[in-house]
Amino acid sequence: MNNSLIPLRFASGTFVTYLSKNWLRLAMVGGLLAALVFAAVGPAQAVTEDTDGVVAAGEVIDDDLLMSAQTVRMDGTVNGNLIATGQTVTINGKVTGDVIADGAQVFINGPVGGNVIIAGANLEVNGPVSGSVFAAGYSLVMGEGAVVNSNLYSAGFSTELKPGSTIMRDAQVAGYQALLSGTLKRNLNVDTAALELGGAVGGDVNAHVGQPGQNPPPMFIFPPSSGFQPVPIVPAGLRVAASAEIGGELRYASESEQTGGIKAVPAGGIRFEQAAPKANVNVRLSPTQLIYTWFFGQVQ
């Protein structure tokens, strides 16, 4: 997969439209479909298939690897691409190519030499990634050991960058809440109801945020056997901590100004754009319908 991406550009007065309709449609839908479709694809030529779900520490696979089991654990080395599907997927070992994985819980702890494409309920990346990370699910956590050498694309209810996590280029985030305490070397582009920024952004912050008091969407429901872990829900609105660092401009759109929540001083100043109100919709849907309605609602 090619790691080179077209730089994002935002014209004055149009950055919100481009953010919510263009980059997310292209990057997130492509990443989600790639992660979900592979589970139905049989092994192709030059692909090693593992059905017991385990690659032990010290074991080396000099090939692309397909792993499928209730519990998948890869502690060895894959000199190629890794495709993994299961209820719980844990990658502790080294993968020299891309990792494509889906499951109720997905943990990427070891080094990845290519891109990471993951989908599921609870997603975590805790190791270095030479390419980009594409994630679609209920929650994504970038742990303190996560260093992404290219870009982050995340769509889901919650995206969190822990202190110590680093994105070397841009981050594109859509969902209900974004909790960002890590380091982002370039630009942050976000479309969420709640945005909490406590880390460092080297470039601009382009944000479409909800109004304080806005209700969160219906809660996703997963079977208890899945191991699903709900995340704490923060109130809607924009909050920039005094400890946050923004090397460029903070540009945000919401129904009204939220200057009271901005405690840091961006190097490039602050620009506000008034956004049209969004209606709250409360409907009863199945868990699958909730996931797809929430995700595709972000890319329309």
Protein backbone atom coordinates (compact mmCIF):
# COMPACT_ATOMS: atom_id res chain seq x y z
CA MET A 1 0.00 0.00 0.00
CA ASN A 2 1.32 3.43 -0.92
CA ASN A 3 2.10 5.59 2.09
CA SER A 4 2.19 8.87 0.14
CA LEU A 5 -0.95 10.95 0.63
CA ILE A 6 -2.16 14.15 -0.98
CA PRO A 7 -1.61 17.09 1.42
CA LEU A 8 -4.82 18.56 2.85
CA ARG A 9 -5.57 22.15 1.97
CA PHE A 10 -8.34 24.28 3.45
CA ALA A 11 -9.53 27.45 1.73
CA SER A 12 -10.78 30.29 3.90
CA GLY A 13 -14.38 29.76 4.90
CA THR A 14 -14.60 26.27 3.36
CA PHE A 15 -12.53 24.08 5.66
CA VAL A 16 -15.51 22.56 7.49
CA THR A 17 -17.19 21.35 4.30
CA TYR A 18 -13.98 19.80 2.99
CA LEU A 19 -13.27 18.16 6.33
CA SER A 20 -16.63 16.48 6.80
CA LYS A 21 -17.35 15.44 3.23
CA ASN A 22 -14.11 14.84 1.37
CA TRP A 23 -11.17 13.35 3.27
CA LEU A 24 -13.36 11.24 5.51
CA ARG A 25 -15.37 9.79 2.64
CA LEU A 26 -12.24 8.73 0.76
CA ALA A 27 -9.99 7.59 3.58
CA MET A 28 -12.39 6.11 6.12
CA VAL A 29 -14.73 4.24 3.81
CA GLY A 30 -11.77 2.75 1.95
CA GLY A 31 -10.12 1.70 5.19
CA LEU A 32 -13.32 0.26 6.69
CA LEU A 33 -14.23 -1.75 3.61
CA ALA A 34 -10.71 -3.11 3.28
CA ALA A 35 -10.78 -4.28 6.89
CA LEU A 36 -14.23 -5.87 6.73
CA VAL A 37 -14.20 -7.46 3.28
CA PHE A 38 -11.05 -9.51 3.78
CA ALA A 39 -12.76 -11.86 6.24
CA ALA A 40 -14.86 -13.27 3.40
CA VAL A 41 -11.91 -13.74 1.05
CA GLY A 42 -10.24 -17.14 0.89
CA PRO A 43 -6.47 -17.57 0.92
CA ALA A 44 -4.83 -16.66 -2.39
CA GLN A 45 -1.63 -17.97 -3.85
CA ALA A 46 1.54 -17.34 -1.86
CA VAL A 47 -0.43 -16.90 1.38
CA THR A 48 0.12 -19.09 4.44
CA GLU A 49 -3.07 -19.94 6.35
CA ASP A 50 -3.11 -20.48 10.11
CA THR A 51 -6.35 -21.81 11.65
CA ASP A 52 -5.28 -22.48 15.24
CA GLY A 53 -4.82 -18.76 15.87
CA VAL A 54 -1.32 -18.93 17.33
CA VAL A 55 2.14 -18.00 16.06
CA ALA A 56 4.52 -18.63 18.94
CA ALA A 57 7.41 -16.41 19.99
CA GLY A 58 10.47 -17.29 17.91
CA GLU A 59 8.42 -18.65 15.00
CA VAL A 60 9.12 -16.96 11.65
CA ILE A 61 6.69 -16.90 8.71
CA ASP A 62 8.44 -15.90 5.46
CA ASP A 63 5.18 -15.28 3.63
CA ASP A 64 1.93 -13.36 3.84
CA LEU A 65 -0.16 -14.88 6.65
CA LEU A 66 -3.90 -15.33 7.11
CA MET A 67 -4.98 -16.10 10.71
CA SER A 68 -8.56 -16.91 11.68
CA ALA A 69 -9.75 -18.24 15.05
CA GLN A 70 -11.85 -17.26 18.07
CA THR A 71 -8.66 -15.98 19.71
CA VAL A 72 -5.73 -14.93 17.54
CA ARG A 73 -2.29 -14.32 19.02
CA MET A 74 0.79 -13.57 16.94
CA ASP A 75 3.99 -13.46 19.02
CA GLY A 76 6.48 -14.36 16.31
CA THR A 77 7.61 -12.68 13.08
CA VAL A 78 5.76 -12.35 9.78
CA ASN A 79 7.96 -11.32 6.87
CA GLY A 80 5.03 -10.18 4.76
CA ASN A 81 1.46 -8.99 5.28
CA LEU A 82 -0.73 -10.25 8.13
CA ILE A 83 -4.51 -10.65 7.86
CA ALA A 84 -6.20 -11.64 11.12
CA THR A 85 -9.82 -12.10 12.16
CA GLY A 86 -11.28 -13.35 15.44
CA GLN A 87 -13.13 -12.28 18.56
CA THR A 88 -9.87 -11.17 20.16
CA VAL A 89 -6.83 -10.41 18.00
CA THR A 90 -3.48 -9.67 19.66
CA ILE A 91 -0.37 -8.89 17.62
CA ASN A 92 2.70 -8.84 19.85
CA GLY A 93 5.27 -9.87 17.27
CA LYS A 94 6.85 -8.15 14.29
CA VAL A 95 5.14 -7.73 10.90
CA THR A 96 7.26 -6.36 8.07
CA GLY A 97 4.27 -5.58 5.80
CA ASP A 98 0.71 -4.40 6.40
CA VAL A 99 -1.60 -5.58 9.18
CA ILE A 100 -5.33 -5.94 8.40
CA ALA A 101 -7.39 -7.13 11.36
CA ASP A 102 -10.91 -7.17 12.71
CA GLY A 103 -12.43 -8.43 15.93
CA ALA A 104 -14.39 -7.40 19.00
CA GLN A 105 -11.01 -6.52 20.50
CA VAL A 106 -7.88 -5.82 18.45
CA PHE A 107 -4.49 -5.07 20.02
CA ILE A 108 -1.50 -4.10 17.87
CA ASN A 109 1.45 -4.16 20.26
CA GLY A 110 4.41 -5.09 18.06
CA PRO A 111 6.21 -3.17 15.30
CA VAL A 112 4.54 -2.98 11.89
CA GLY A 113 6.58 -2.17 8.78
CA GLY A 114 3.61 -1.11 6.66
CA ASN A 115 0.10 0.20 7.33
CA VAL A 116 -2.40 -0.89 9.99
CA ILE A 117 -6.05 -1.30 8.95
CA ILE A 118 -8.30 -2.36 11.83
CA ALA A 119 -12.02 -2.57 12.50
CA GLY A 120 -14.03 -3.75 15.49
CA ALA A 121 -15.30 -2.67 18.91
CA ASN A 122 -12.26 -1.91 21.08
CA LEU A 123 -9.10 -1.14 19.09
CA GLU A 124 -5.63 -0.39 20.47
CA VAL A 125 -2.29 0.42 18.87
CA ASN A 126 0.65 0.33 21.28
CA GLY A 127 3.66 -0.13 19.02
CA PRO A 128 5.51 1.61 16.17
CA VAL A 129 3.88 1.72 12.73
CA SER A 130 6.00 2.67 9.70
CA GLY A 131 2.97 3.56 7.57
CA SER A 132 -0.48 4.93 8.41
CA VAL A 133 -3.22 3.71 10.75
CA PHE A 134 -6.79 3.33 9.44
CA ALA A 135 -9.31 2.49 12.18
CA ALA A 136 -13.09 2.12 12.27
CA GLY A 137 -14.90 0.91 15.37
CA TYR A 138 -16.42 1.84 18.71
CA SER A 139 -13.18 3.01 20.32
CA LEU A 140 -9.57 3.51 19.29
CA VAL A 141 -6.77 4.03 21.80
CA MET A 142 -3.28 5.02 20.66
CA GLY A 143 -1.12 3.97 23.60
CA GLU A 144 2.02 5.60 24.95
CA GLY A 145 4.24 3.37 22.82
CA ALA A 146 2.40 4.11 19.58
CA VAL A 147 4.51 5.99 17.03
CA VAL A 148 2.87 6.30 13.60
CA ASN A 149 5.34 7.38 10.96
CA SER A 150 2.67 8.64 8.58
CA ASN A 151 -1.03 9.53 9.17
CA LEU A 152 -3.89 8.51 11.45
CA TYR A 153 -7.44 8.05 10.14
CA SER A 154 -10.04 7.16 12.76
CA ALA A 155 -13.84 6.93 12.60
CA GLY A 156 -15.84 5.70 15.58
CA PHE A 157 -17.49 6.71 18.82
CA SER A 158 -14.23 7.51 20.65
CA THR A 159 -10.65 8.20 19.58
CA GLU A 160 -7.99 8.67 22.25
CA LEU A 161 -4.31 9.56 21.94
CA LYS A 162 -2.60 8.79 25.22
CA PRO A 163 0.35 10.87 26.49
CA GLY A 164 3.48 9.51 24.82
CA SER A 165 1.75 8.56 21.58
CA THR A 166 3.04 10.27 18.43
CA ILE A 167 1.64 10.81 14.94
CA MET A 168 4.41 12.03 12.66
CA ARG A 169 2.12 13.57 10.03
CA ASP A 170 -1.63 14.40 10.04
CA ALA A 171 -4.59 13.00 11.99
CA GLN A 172 -8.14 12.82 10.65
CA VAL A 173 -10.76 11.96 13.28
CA ALA A 174 -14.55 11.64 13.14
CA GLY A 175 -17.02 10.37 15.73
CA TYR A 176 -18.58 11.47 19.00
CA GLN A 177 -15.47 12.27 21.04
CA ALA A 178 -11.75 12.85 20.49
CA LEU A 179 -9.45 12.88 23.54
CA LEU A 180 -6.04 13.94 22.33
CA SER A 181 -3.16 14.10 24.81
CA GLY A 182 -0.41 12.79 22.54
CA THR A 183 1.83 14.53 20.01
CA LEU A 184 0.83 15.31 16.44
CA LYS A 185 3.62 16.67 14.28
CA ARG A 186 1.47 18.30 11.60
CA ASN A 187 -2.26 19.06 11.26
CA LEU A 188 -5.31 17.83 13.15
CA ASN A 189 -8.60 17.62 11.24
CA VAL A 190 -11.55 16.57 13.41
CA ASP A 191 -15.34 16.32 13.16
CA THR A 192 -16.70 15.30 16.58
CA ALA A 193 -19.25 16.42 19.14
CA ALA A 194 -16.61 16.53 21.89
CA LEU A 195 -12.98 17.54 21.44
CA GLU A 196 -10.53 17.60 24.34
CA LEU A 197 -7.02 18.68 23.38
CA GLY A 198 -4.25 18.45 25.94
CA GLY A 199 -1.27 17.42 23.83
CA ALA A 200 0.81 19.06 21.12
CA VAL A 201 -0.14 19.83 17.50
CA GLY A 202 2.69 21.12 15.34
CA GLY A 203 0.44 22.60 12.65
CA ASP A 204 -3.18 23.72 12.41
CA VAL A 205 -6.25 22.39 14.19
CA ASN A 206 -9.32 22.30 11.91
CA ALA A 207 -12.37 21.24 13.91
CA HIS A 208 -16.12 20.91 13.63
CA VAL A 209 -17.40 20.45 17.20
CA GLY A 210 -20.74 20.01 18.89
CA GLN A 211 -22.50 22.43 21.16
CA PRO A 212 -22.21 21.96 24.96
CA GLY A 213 -25.32 20.13 26.13
CA GLN A 214 -25.66 18.09 22.94
CA ASN A 215 -26.79 14.53 23.65
CA PRO A 216 -24.49 11.64 22.71
CA PRO A 217 -25.77 9.11 20.16
CA PRO A 218 -27.47 5.86 21.29
CA MET A 219 -25.07 3.53 23.06
CA PHE A 220 -23.70 0.61 21.07
CA ILE A 221 -24.70 -2.76 22.52
CA PHE A 222 -22.44 -5.79 22.13
CA PRO A 223 -22.92 -9.32 23.55
CA PRO A 224 -21.28 -9.80 26.97
CA SER A 225 -19.26 -12.70 25.53
CA SER A 226 -17.50 -10.34 23.11
CA GLY A 227 -15.41 -8.77 25.87
CA PHE A 228 -16.57 -5.31 24.79
CA GLN A 229 -15.39 -2.51 27.09
CA PRO A 230 -17.39 0.75 27.13
CA VAL A 231 -15.44 3.99 27.42
CA PRO A 232 -16.26 6.97 29.65
CA ILE A 233 -18.33 9.55 27.78
CA VAL A 234 -17.28 13.20 28.00
CA PRO A 235 -19.66 16.15 27.46
CA ALA A 236 -19.96 17.68 24.02
CA GLY A 237 -18.03 20.84 23.25
CA LEU A 238 -14.51 22.15 22.69
CA ARG A 239 -11.95 22.07 25.50
CA VAL A 240 -8.30 23.01 24.96
CA ALA A 241 -6.20 22.60 28.10
CA ALA A 242 -3.65 25.18 29.20
CA SER A 243 -0.99 22.49 28.71
CA ALA A 244 -1.88 22.08 25.03
CA GLU A 245 0.45 23.37 22.32
CA ILE A 246 -0.79 24.41 18.86
CA GLY A 247 1.94 25.51 16.46
CA GLY A 248 -0.49 26.87 13.87
CA GLU A 249 -4.04 28.22 13.83
CA LEU A 250 -7.04 26.86 15.73
CA ARG A 251 -9.99 26.99 13.32
CA TYR A 252 -13.25 25.64 14.66
CA ALA A 253 -16.92 25.63 13.70
CA SER A 254 -19.84 25.15 16.07
CA GLU A 255 -23.26 26.64 16.69
CA SER A 256 -21.76 29.30 18.96
CA GLU A 257 -18.33 30.42 20.12
CA GLN A 258 -16.68 28.35 22.85
CA THR A 259 -13.85 30.64 23.89
CA GLY A 260 -14.37 29.73 27.55
CA GLY A 261 -13.12 26.22 26.87
CA ILE A 262 -9.91 27.35 25.15
CA LYS A 263 -7.19 27.79 27.79
CA ALA A 264 -4.11 27.64 25.54
CA VAL A 265 -2.93 30.29 23.07
CA PRO A 266 -2.37 28.87 19.55
CA ALA A 267 0.66 30.34 17.78
CA GLY A 268 -1.45 31.12 14.71
CA GLY A 269 -4.45 32.53 16.56
CA ILE A 270 -8.09 31.41 16.75
CA ARG A 271 -10.73 31.58 14.03
CA PHE A 272 -14.40 30.73 14.64
CA GLU A 273 -17.01 29.87 12.02
CA GLN A 274 -20.68 29.50 12.94
CA ALA A 275 -22.18 26.15 11.93
CA ALA A 276 -25.80 25.24 11.31
CA PRO A 277 -27.48 23.35 14.18
CA LYS A 278 -27.54 19.56 13.99
CA ALA A 279 -30.75 17.83 15.01
CA ASN A 280 -30.58 15.15 17.73
CA VAL A 281 -32.07 11.90 16.45
CA ASN A 282 -32.99 9.16 18.92
CA VAL A 283 -34.05 5.90 17.27
CA ARG A 284 -33.95 2.28 18.40
CA LEU A 285 -31.77 0.21 16.12
CA SER A 286 -30.03 -3.12 16.33
CA PRO A 287 -26.33 -3.08 17.31
CA THR A 288 -25.28 -3.64 13.69
CA GLN A 289 -27.58 -0.87 12.46
CA LEU A 290 -26.24 1.48 15.13
CA ILE A 291 -22.64 0.92 14.02
CA TYR A 292 -23.34 1.46 10.34
CA THR A 293 -25.74 4.37 10.91
CA TRP A 294 -23.19 6.14 13.13
CA PHE A 295 -20.25 5.52 10.81
CA PHE A 296 -21.90 6.44 7.53
CA GLY A 297 -23.57 9.44 9.16
CA GLN A 298 -20.10 10.87 9.61
CA VAL A 299 -19.13 10.55 5.95
CA GLN A 300 -22.26 11.99 4.37
